[in-house]
Protein backbone atom coordinates (compact mmCIF):
# COMPACT_ATOMS: atom_id res chain seq x y z
CA MET A 1 -11.09 29.57 19.97
CA PHE A 2 -14.29 28.67 21.82
CA ALA A 3 -14.02 28.34 25.60
CA ASN A 4 -16.20 26.09 27.72
CA GLY A 5 -19.53 27.78 28.34
CA SER A 6 -19.39 29.98 25.23
CA VAL A 7 -22.19 29.91 22.65
CA ILE A 8 -21.59 29.40 18.93
CA ASP A 9 -23.88 31.04 16.40
CA GLN A 10 -26.36 31.76 19.22
CA LYS A 11 -27.37 28.09 19.04
CA TYR A 12 -24.74 25.76 20.50
CA PHE A 13 -23.42 25.79 24.04
CA VAL A 14 -19.82 24.56 24.30
CA ARG A 15 -19.34 21.81 26.90
CA GLY A 16 -15.71 20.88 26.24
CA LEU A 17 -13.07 19.79 23.74
CA CYS A 18 -13.62 16.48 21.97
CA SER A 19 -10.59 16.46 19.63
CA ASN A 20 -8.08 18.85 18.17
CA SER A 21 -5.97 16.23 16.42
CA GLY A 22 -7.44 16.73 12.95
CA GLY A 23 -5.43 18.68 10.44
CA MET A 24 -8.35 20.83 9.36
CA GLY A 25 -10.94 20.99 12.10
CA THR A 26 -11.45 21.10 15.86
CA VAL A 27 -14.27 19.06 17.39
CA LEU A 28 -16.21 20.26 20.45
CA PHE A 29 -18.83 18.73 22.71
CA VAL A 30 -21.91 20.93 22.50
CA HIS A 31 -25.63 20.95 23.10
CA HIS A 32 -28.32 23.05 21.53
CA VAL A 33 -29.25 25.93 23.79
CA GLN A 34 -32.80 24.58 23.90
CA ARG A 35 -31.82 20.88 24.43
CA ALA A 36 -29.26 20.61 27.21
CA ASP A 37 -30.00 16.88 27.56
CA ALA A 38 -28.89 15.98 23.99
CA LEU A 39 -25.11 15.88 23.61
CA LEU A 40 -23.79 16.68 20.12
CA VAL A 41 -20.39 17.28 18.53
CA LEU A 42 -19.54 20.38 16.53
CA LYS A 43 -16.63 20.56 14.12
CA TYR A 44 -15.36 23.93 12.94
CA CYS A 45 -12.63 24.85 10.47
CA LYS A 46 -9.62 26.02 12.45
CA HIS A 47 -7.76 27.47 9.44
CA GLY A 48 -8.61 30.64 7.58
CA ASP A 49 -6.74 30.12 4.29
CA GLU A 50 -8.82 29.76 1.17
CA GLU A 51 -7.98 26.16 0.30
CA MET A 52 -8.70 24.87 3.81
CA LEU A 53 -12.04 26.68 3.82
CA ARG A 54 -12.91 25.16 0.44
CA ARG A 55 -12.03 21.68 1.70
CA PHE A 56 -14.10 22.14 4.84
CA GLN A 57 -17.06 23.39 2.83
CA ARG A 58 -16.73 20.47 0.49
CA GLU A 59 -16.63 18.00 3.40
CA VAL A 60 -19.94 19.39 4.57
CA ARG A 61 -21.51 19.19 1.11
CA VAL A 62 -20.33 15.61 0.62
CA MET A 63 -21.65 14.51 4.02
CA GLN A 64 -24.95 16.25 3.38
CA SER A 65 -25.25 14.35 0.10
CA PHE A 66 -25.36 11.15 2.17
CA ALA A 67 -28.35 12.31 4.22
CA GLY A 68 -30.27 9.25 5.40
CA ASN A 69 -27.40 6.85 4.62
CA ASP A 70 -26.68 4.82 7.75
CA ALA A 71 -23.09 4.03 6.66
CA VAL A 72 -21.86 7.65 6.70
CA ALA A 73 -21.83 10.03 9.68
CA GLN A 74 -24.82 12.37 9.44
CA ILE A 75 -24.93 16.14 9.70
CA VAL A 76 -27.78 17.57 11.76
CA ASP A 77 -26.91 21.21 11.20
CA ALA A 78 -24.31 23.37 9.44
CA ASN A 79 -23.50 27.01 8.79
CA LEU A 80 -20.86 27.58 6.14
CA ALA A 81 -21.41 31.34 6.19
CA HIS A 82 -20.47 31.54 9.85
CA MET A 83 -16.86 32.40 10.67
CA PRO A 84 -15.48 29.93 11.33
CA PRO A 85 -17.78 27.61 9.36
CA TYR A 86 -19.03 24.58 11.28
CA PHE A 87 -21.23 21.53 11.15
CA VAL A 88 -22.91 19.48 13.88
CA MET A 89 -23.17 15.68 14.17
CA PRO A 90 -24.73 13.28 16.66
CA TYR A 91 -22.52 12.17 19.52
CA PHE A 92 -21.26 8.58 19.15
CA GLU A 93 -21.21 7.34 22.71
CA ASN A 94 -18.95 4.33 22.05
CA GLY A 95 -16.19 6.33 20.41
CA ASP A 96 -14.13 5.06 17.49
CA VAL A 97 -13.12 1.55 16.47
CA SER A 98 -9.59 1.85 17.88
CA ARG A 99 -11.06 1.74 21.40
CA HIS A 100 -12.58 -1.69 20.73
CA ALA A 101 -9.70 -3.47 18.95
CA GLU A 102 -9.28 -6.11 21.66
CA PHE A 103 -12.98 -6.96 21.54
CA ILE A 104 -13.02 -7.08 17.74
CA ARG A 105 -10.08 -9.45 17.41
CA ALA A 106 -11.13 -11.74 20.28
CA ARG A 107 -13.55 -13.78 18.14
CA ALA A 108 -13.41 -14.52 14.42
CA ASP A 109 -17.14 -13.97 13.93
CA THR A 110 -16.88 -10.55 15.59
CA THR A 111 -13.86 -9.66 13.45
CA GLU A 112 -15.76 -10.59 10.31
CA LEU A 113 -18.82 -8.56 11.36
CA TYR A 114 -16.77 -5.39 11.94
CA PHE A 115 -14.54 -5.76 8.88
CA MET A 116 -17.45 -6.34 6.54
CA ARG A 117 -19.31 -3.35 7.96
CA MET A 118 -16.25 -1.12 7.52
CA ILE A 119 -15.96 -2.25 3.90
CA ASP A 120 -19.65 -1.48 3.42
CA CYS A 121 -19.13 2.05 4.74
CA ILE A 122 -16.24 2.85 2.39
CA GLU A 123 -18.04 1.18 -0.50
CA GLN A 124 -20.87 3.69 -0.11
CA LEU A 125 -18.31 6.37 -1.01
CA HIS A 126 -16.83 4.39 -3.91
CA MET A 127 -20.27 3.90 -5.44
CA ARG A 128 -20.21 7.65 -6.08
CA ASN A 129 -16.55 7.71 -7.18
CA ILE A 130 -15.56 9.31 -3.87
CA PHE A 131 -12.31 8.13 -2.26
CA HIS A 132 -11.75 8.72 1.45
CA ARG A 133 -7.91 9.09 1.45
CA ASP A 134 -7.63 9.05 5.25
CA ILE A 135 -8.96 5.67 6.38
CA LYS A 136 -7.89 4.62 9.88
CA PRO A 137 -9.59 3.09 12.94
CA GLN A 138 -10.27 6.53 14.43
CA ASN A 139 -12.48 7.45 11.47
CA PHE A 140 -15.03 4.71 12.12
CA LEU A 141 -17.47 5.71 14.85
CA LEU A 142 -19.71 3.52 17.02
CA GLY A 143 -22.94 4.53 18.65
CA GLY A 144 -26.63 3.76 18.76
CA GLY A 145 -25.93 0.20 17.67
CA ASN A 146 -24.37 1.37 14.41
CA LEU A 147 -20.93 1.85 12.83
CA VAL A 148 -20.31 4.68 10.36
CA VAL A 149 -17.40 6.24 8.51
CA SER A 150 -16.56 9.83 9.33
CA ASP A 151 -14.04 12.60 8.64
CA LEU A 152 -14.38 13.14 4.90
CA GLY A 153 -12.14 16.20 4.94
CA LEU A 154 -9.53 14.58 2.68
CA CYS A 155 -11.91 12.75 0.38
CA THR A 156 -11.73 13.35 -3.33
CA GLN A 157 -13.93 12.70 -6.32
CA LEU A 158 -13.00 11.74 -9.85
CA ASP A 159 -13.09 14.78 -12.14
CA SER A 160 -13.59 17.02 -9.11
CA SER A 161 -12.50 20.63 -9.42
CA THR A 162 -11.92 20.77 -5.68
CA MET A 163 -9.09 18.27 -5.45
CA PHE A 164 -5.76 19.47 -4.15
CA THR A 165 -4.51 22.14 -6.49
CA ARG A 166 -0.82 21.22 -6.39
CA GLN A 167 0.51 17.91 -7.64
CA SER A 168 3.15 17.79 -4.90
CA VAL A 169 0.68 18.15 -2.00
CA TRP A 170 -0.25 15.07 0.03
CA ALA A 171 -1.87 14.37 3.36
CA GLY A 172 -3.05 11.49 5.50
CA THR A 173 -2.00 9.62 8.62
CA PRO A 174 1.47 8.00 8.97
CA GLY A 175 1.20 4.23 9.08
CA TYR A 176 -1.82 4.21 6.79
CA ILE A 177 -0.59 6.21 3.79
CA PRO A 178 -0.11 4.14 0.60
CA PRO A 179 3.33 4.63 -0.99
CA GLU A 180 1.94 6.19 -4.16
CA PHE A 181 0.55 9.12 -2.12
CA LEU A 182 4.14 10.24 -1.61
CA ASP A 183 4.78 10.37 -5.36
CA ASN A 184 4.23 13.57 -7.29
CA GLY A 185 0.48 13.74 -7.93
CA GLY A 186 -0.24 10.39 -6.28
CA PHE A 187 -2.40 11.82 -3.51
CA ARG A 188 -4.23 14.17 -5.82
CA ASN A 189 -5.05 11.30 -8.21
CA ALA A 190 -6.02 8.71 -5.59
CA ASP A 191 -8.20 5.78 -6.59
CA ALA A 192 -9.91 2.75 -5.08
CA ARG A 193 -6.63 0.90 -4.53
CA GLY A 194 -5.43 3.67 -2.22
CA ASP A 195 -8.47 3.18 0.00
CA VAL A 196 -7.95 -0.60 -0.17
CA PHE A 197 -4.41 -0.09 1.18
CA MET A 198 -5.59 2.10 4.06
CA LEU A 199 -8.43 -0.25 4.91
CA GLY A 200 -5.99 -3.18 4.93
CA ALA A 201 -3.66 -1.22 7.20
CA THR A 202 -6.63 -0.44 9.45
CA PHE A 203 -7.54 -4.12 9.71
CA ARG A 204 -3.92 -5.02 10.43
CA ASN A 205 -3.79 -2.43 13.21
CA ILE A 206 -6.96 -3.80 14.79
CA LEU A 207 -5.61 -7.36 14.70
CA ALA A 208 -2.23 -6.44 16.19
CA ALA A 209 -2.04 -7.56 19.82
CA ASP A 210 0.75 -5.83 21.75
CA GLY A 211 2.36 -4.90 18.46
CA ALA A 212 2.39 -8.52 17.19
CA PHE A 213 0.43 -9.45 14.09
CA ILE A 214 -1.11 -12.85 14.79
CA PRO A 215 -4.24 -13.59 12.74
CA HIS A 216 -5.06 -16.72 10.76
CA PRO A 217 -2.66 -17.34 7.80
CA ALA A 218 -5.47 -16.77 5.29
CA ILE A 219 -6.19 -13.34 6.79
CA GLN A 220 -2.48 -12.53 6.77
CA ALA A 221 -2.38 -13.32 3.05
CA ILE A 222 -5.38 -11.09 2.37
CA LEU A 223 -3.92 -8.12 4.25
CA ALA A 224 -0.53 -8.62 2.63
CA ARG A 225 -2.17 -8.24 -0.76
CA ALA A 226 -4.36 -5.33 0.32
CA THR A 227 -1.30 -3.42 1.55
CA ALA A 228 1.09 -4.38 -1.25
CA PRO A 229 3.49 -1.45 -1.94
CA ASP A 230 2.89 -1.92 -5.67
CA LYS A 231 -0.71 -0.80 -6.11
CA SER A 232 -1.15 -3.02 -9.19
CA ARG A 233 -0.80 -6.07 -6.92
CA ARG A 234 -3.59 -4.98 -4.56
CA TYR A 235 -7.25 -5.80 -4.79
CA ALA A 236 -8.74 -3.70 -7.55
CA SER A 237 -11.96 -3.08 -5.64
CA LEU A 238 -13.57 -3.40 -2.24
CA ALA A 239 -15.81 -6.11 -3.71
CA ASP A 240 -12.73 -8.25 -4.39
CA LEU A 241 -11.42 -7.63 -0.87
CA ARG A 242 -14.79 -8.57 0.61
CA GLN A 243 -14.96 -11.80 -1.40
CA SER A 244 -11.53 -12.92 -0.24
CA LEU A 245 -12.37 -12.14 3.38
CA LYS A 246 -15.63 -14.05 3.11
CA SER A 247 -13.83 -17.09 1.72
CA ALA A 248 -11.28 -16.94 4.53
CA PHE A 249 -13.90 -16.60 7.26
CA ASP A 250 -15.91 -19.44 5.69
CA VAL A 251 -12.95 -21.68 6.49
CA ILE A 252 -12.05 -20.12 9.85
CA LEU A 253 -15.65 -20.36 11.07
CA ASN A 254 -16.14 -23.79 9.50
CA ARG A 255 -19.01 -22.63 7.31
CA GLN A 256 -17.66 -24.46 4.27
CA GLN A 257 -18.27 -28.06 5.27
CA GLY A 258 -16.30 -30.96 3.85
CA GLN A 259 -15.87 -31.69 0.19
CA ALA A 260 -18.62 -29.34 -1.00
CA GLY A 261 -16.96 -26.33 0.57
CA ALA A 262 -13.52 -27.14 -0.84
CA LEU A 263 -15.04 -27.75 -4.28
CA GLU A 264 -16.77 -24.37 -4.19
CA LEU A 265 -13.52 -22.64 -3.29
CA LYS A 266 -11.67 -24.57 -5.99
CA GLN A 267 -14.19 -23.47 -8.61
CA ARG A 268 -13.78 -19.82 -7.62
CA ILE A 269 -10.06 -20.09 -8.35
CA VAL A 270 -10.69 -21.74 -11.71
CA ASP A 271 -13.31 -19.15 -12.68
CA ARG A 272 -11.08 -16.23 -11.69
CA TRP A 273 -8.09 -17.61 -13.61
CA THR A 274 -10.19 -18.49 -16.66
CA GLY A 275 -11.79 -15.07 -16.73
CA SER A 276 -8.78 -12.86 -16.07
CA HIS A 277 -5.61 -14.95 -15.75
CA LEU A 278 -5.24 -13.38 -12.32
CA ALA A 279 -4.66 -15.34 -9.13
CA ASP A 280 -5.80 -14.32 -5.66
CA PRO A 281 -3.23 -15.72 -3.19
CA ALA A 282 -5.64 -15.27 -0.30
CA GLU A 283 -8.36 -17.20 -2.10
CA ILE A 284 -5.88 -19.97 -2.94
CA GLY A 285 -4.70 -20.07 0.66
CA THR A 286 -8.29 -20.42 1.84
CA PHE A 287 -8.84 -23.31 -0.56
CA ILE A 288 -5.72 -25.08 0.74
CA GLN A 289 -6.89 -24.60 4.32
CA ALA A 290 -10.25 -26.13 3.39
CA LEU A 291 -8.60 -28.99 1.51
CA ILE A 292 -6.39 -30.15 4.37
CA VAL A 293 -9.26 -30.47 6.84
CA VAL A 294 -11.55 -32.71 4.77
CA PRO A 295 -11.32 -36.50 5.27
CA ALA A 296 -8.54 -38.25 3.34
CA ALA A 297 -10.86 -40.02 0.88
CA GLU A 298 -12.62 -36.77 -0.04
CA ARG A 299 -9.30 -34.95 -0.24
CA GLU A 300 -7.94 -37.48 -2.72
CA THR A 301 -11.11 -37.19 -4.82
CA ILE A 302 -10.67 -33.42 -4.99
CA CYS A 303 -6.98 -33.73 -5.93
CA LEU A 304 -7.81 -36.21 -8.70
CA ASP A 305 -10.11 -33.60 -10.23
CA LEU A 306 -7.84 -30.53 -9.96
CA LYS A 307 -7.79 -28.66 -13.25
CA LEU A 308 -4.75 -27.21 -14.99
CA GLU A 309 -6.01 -23.73 -14.05
CA ILE A 310 -5.45 -24.49 -10.37
CA PHE A 311 -1.77 -25.20 -10.97
CA GLU A 312 -1.40 -22.18 -13.27
CA ALA A 313 -2.84 -20.01 -10.50
CA LEU A 314 -0.59 -21.65 -7.91
CA ALA A 315 2.46 -21.11 -10.10
CA ALA A 316 1.59 -17.41 -10.44
CA SER A 317 1.08 -16.76 -6.73
CA THR A 318 3.20 -15.83 -3.75
CA LEU A 319 1.60 -17.72 -0.88
CA GLU A 320 2.06 -17.44 2.85
CA PRO A 321 4.93 -19.67 4.10
CA GLY A 322 3.95 -23.31 4.43
CA LEU A 323 0.70 -23.17 2.46
CA LEU A 324 2.07 -24.61 -0.78
CA SER A 325 3.87 -27.32 1.19
CA GLN A 326 0.56 -28.30 2.76
CA PHE A 327 -1.03 -28.47 -0.67
CA LEU A 328 1.79 -30.61 -2.02
CA ASP A 329 1.40 -33.00 0.92
CA CYS A 330 -2.21 -33.52 -0.16
CA TYR A 331 -1.26 -33.93 -3.81
CA ARG A 332 1.51 -36.44 -3.00
CA GLU A 333 -0.95 -38.39 -0.86
CA MET A 334 -3.22 -38.69 -3.89
CA ALA A 335 -0.34 -39.67 -6.18
CA GLU A 336 0.75 -42.43 -3.79
CA HIS A 337 -2.60 -43.87 -2.74
CA SER A 338 -5.35 -43.16 -5.25
CA SER A 339 -6.34 -45.32 -8.18
CA TYR A 340 -5.86 -43.56 -11.51
CA GLY A 341 -5.17 -44.54 -15.10
CA TRP A 342 -1.68 -44.74 -16.50
CA SER A 343 -2.21 -41.62 -18.64
CA PHE A 344 -3.07 -39.57 -15.54
CA ALA A 345 0.54 -39.92 -14.43
CA GLU A 346 1.41 -37.57 -17.27
CA VAL A 347 -1.20 -35.07 -16.06
CA ILE A 348 0.34 -35.16 -12.59
CA ALA A 349 3.83 -34.64 -14.02
CA ASP A 350 2.71 -31.73 -16.20
CA ASN A 351 0.99 -30.07 -13.24
CA CYS A 352 4.08 -30.49 -11.08
CA LYS A 353 6.30 -29.09 -13.83
CA LEU A 354 4.31 -25.84 -13.72
CA LEU A 355 5.23 -25.46 -10.04
CA PHE A 356 8.81 -26.60 -10.57
CA SER A 357 9.29 -23.92 -13.24
CA SER A 358 7.65 -21.09 -11.28
CA MET A 359 9.69 -18.15 -10.02
CA PHE A 360 7.29 -17.86 -7.07
CA VAL A 361 7.86 -21.39 -5.74
CA GLY A 362 10.67 -22.05 -3.27
CA GLU A 363 13.38 -24.69 -3.57
CA GLU A 364 11.85 -27.10 -1.09
CA ASP A 365 8.47 -27.00 -2.79
CA LYS A 366 10.05 -27.35 -6.24
CA ALA A 367 11.83 -30.50 -5.08
CA GLU A 368 8.58 -31.83 -3.63
CA ALA A 369 6.79 -31.18 -6.93
CA LEU A 370 9.49 -33.19 -8.71
CA ARG A 371 9.12 -35.97 -6.12
CA ILE A 372 5.38 -36.22 -6.82
CA ALA A 373 5.97 -36.34 -10.58
CA VAL A 374 8.57 -39.12 -10.13
CA ILE A 375 6.17 -41.10 -7.91
CA ALA A 376 3.40 -40.93 -10.51
CA ALA A 377 5.72 -41.75 -13.44
CA GLU A 378 7.27 -44.69 -11.61
CA ARG A 379 3.97 -46.02 -10.32
CA GLN A 380 2.33 -46.12 -13.75
CA ASN A 381 5.55 -46.71 -15.74
CA ARG A 382 4.45 -43.85 -17.99
CA PHE A 383 7.26 -42.89 -20.36
CA ALA A 384 5.80 -39.47 -21.23
CA ALA A 385 5.67 -38.62 -17.51
CA MET A 386 9.28 -39.79 -17.16
CA ASP A 387 10.28 -37.45 -19.98
CA THR A 388 8.63 -34.58 -18.10
CA CYS A 389 10.57 -35.49 -14.95
CA ARG A 390 13.78 -35.63 -16.99
CA ASP A 391 13.05 -32.14 -18.37
CA MET A 392 12.60 -30.83 -14.83
CA ILE A 393 15.88 -32.37 -13.67
CA VAL A 394 18.06 -31.07 -16.50
CA SER A 395 16.46 -27.60 -16.31
CA VAL A 396 18.02 -26.80 -12.92
CA GLY A 397 20.31 -23.83 -13.46
CA ALA A 398 24.05 -23.77 -12.76
CA GLY A 399 23.54 -21.15 -10.07
CA ASP A 400 20.58 -22.85 -8.37
CA PHE A 401 22.83 -24.53 -5.81
CA GLY A 402 20.17 -25.24 -3.19
CA LEU A 403 17.67 -26.69 -5.65
CA ALA A 404 20.41 -28.67 -7.41
CA GLN A 405 21.39 -30.34 -4.15
CA ARG A 406 17.78 -31.17 -3.34
CA VAL A 407 17.31 -32.71 -6.80
CA HIS A 408 20.59 -34.64 -6.38
CA ASP A 409 19.38 -36.12 -3.08
CA LEU A 410 16.01 -36.97 -4.56
CA MET A 411 17.70 -38.83 -7.42
CA MET A 412 19.79 -40.81 -4.96
CA GLU A 413 16.59 -41.72 -3.09
CA TYR A 414 14.54 -42.90 -6.08
CA ASP A 415 17.26 -44.11 -8.46
CA HIS A 416 14.82 -44.85 -11.29
CA TYR A 417 16.24 -46.17 -14.54
CA PHE A 418 15.08 -43.15 -16.57
CA MET A 419 17.31 -40.99 -14.36
CA GLN A 420 20.27 -43.29 -15.05
CA ASN A 421 19.76 -42.71 -18.77
CA ILE A 422 20.01 -38.91 -18.59
CA ASP A 423 22.95 -37.49 -20.54
CA PRO A 424 25.17 -35.75 -17.95
CA GLY A 425 26.13 -33.20 -20.58
CA GLN A 426 22.54 -31.91 -20.61
CA CYS A 427 22.67 -31.03 -16.91
CA LYS A 428 23.50 -27.39 -16.17
CA ALA A 429 23.97 -27.77 -12.40
CA MET A 430 27.08 -29.58 -11.16
CA ALA A 431 25.25 -31.35 -8.30
CA VAL A 432 22.66 -32.72 -10.72
CA ARG A 433 25.34 -33.78 -13.18
CA GLN A 434 27.20 -35.56 -10.40
CA GLY A 435 23.96 -37.25 -9.39
CA VAL A 436 23.48 -38.66 -12.87
CA VAL A 437 27.08 -39.92 -12.96
CA GLN A 438 26.65 -41.54 -9.54
CA LEU A 439 23.45 -43.26 -10.68
CA LYS A 440 25.18 -44.57 -13.78
CA LYS A 441 28.05 -45.97 -11.70
CA ARG A 442 25.57 -47.47 -9.27
CA ALA A 443 23.69 -49.11 -12.14
CA GLU A 444 26.90 -50.46 -13.66
CA ALA A 445 27.98 -51.87 -10.29
CA GLN A 446 24.60 -53.51 -9.81
CA ALA A 447 24.76 -55.02 -13.30
CA ALA A 448 28.25 -56.37 -12.67
CA ALA A 449 27.20 -57.87 -9.37
CA ALA A 450 24.20 -59.47 -10.99
CA GLN A 451 26.41 -61.01 -13.68
CA LEU A 452 28.80 -62.45 -11.11
CA ASN A 453 25.89 -64.05 -9.30
CA ASN A 454 24.40 -65.57 -12.46
CA PRO A 455 25.74 -69.14 -12.93
CA PHE A 456 24.51 -69.19 -16.55
CA ALA A 457 26.35 -66.04 -17.60
CA PHE A 458 29.17 -66.48 -20.19
CA GLY A 459 32.33 -67.71 -18.56
CA GLN A 460 30.54 -68.91 -15.45
CA GLY A 461 29.59 -72.41 -14.40
CA GLN A 462 32.16 -74.10 -16.64
């Protein structure tokens, strides 16, 4: 519409096209006719229909309401009565975040700095019940030593009369759109969890090198939760997302030192579970990462003091592959080496039973939980702990073929007398039932051999 060299509203000289990729507006490089040395950008509404004009006008009003806020792109001038309406912003000489992805992901401290700043920017909107609805790397601008969020053309406000008028209408950028936006009314009724999804997708895009997603496992867990297809499984707020990221970077950057750091992370999990009965898999993963790097003596001390809430949270969480196995290695180490009272063997068995019974725990980790319970029960000869192990063994379902075989092999390895005394009829899984029968036969054979070798047994030594 405006050629290079033309003048808009008798004030702005057009110097070239900046972007025409937006759905609602075109962005031009301009300078004020009296300040040729100061480059600016001008965005004008490229559509003439009533709803697009209303959205453009609202974008201007929302941005103007953040005057003086260094987290939101600022408007230096606007004319909504002009046709087409326009507004003017400073020029951000370093472009958008997508241009700096390689730099951002190169160092963990740099990644944290940028991610936290981007959360801060979106949080400024949420503090006023405004949801962006089009978060992506291209909508974070860098310049003058600052990072701001921009392009509020799709933002919405709770109870706003200027939201999309039709329930079936949606918009956004492919690759960043949360699934609920595609449902009838989902875009129109967006909330904080929608922005959390898009921000998580933005972080994932920044961390993807050559299309491969390769960050630290704790960060992977955080972004998996942030971008969960089921919005109820995402972080409820940006504050929750920030806290999980901080915990993860504390470990990655070695800010949580030794036992004190792991204990702090452990307490966060306990407090969250106690307060809400909700588990944060990313937070749990960060705790496990902290636990495995502390010295063995400190690690065993921490494991001896793990509360029931930790295991309840673990049992309710889907963790990144390998994390629970690493935790169980630490817990088995404690069960084998630490000094604890005979009654604590029952605590260990009860904790392990929670994991063994969880639908979120895999077969290998279930079998390892049973192994730890057996070790503690056998070590302390604690009958109540043995009963718990027996309950775990007989609970294996008839269709749990993989777990049943793992339990069978574990029984053959440990061959404790309480396993020999299990009633085979109580066992649902054939492999487990066969294991019990084999242990009984093995015990009978050992008893017979012992009798033959005893010169004082009846019928011997005559």
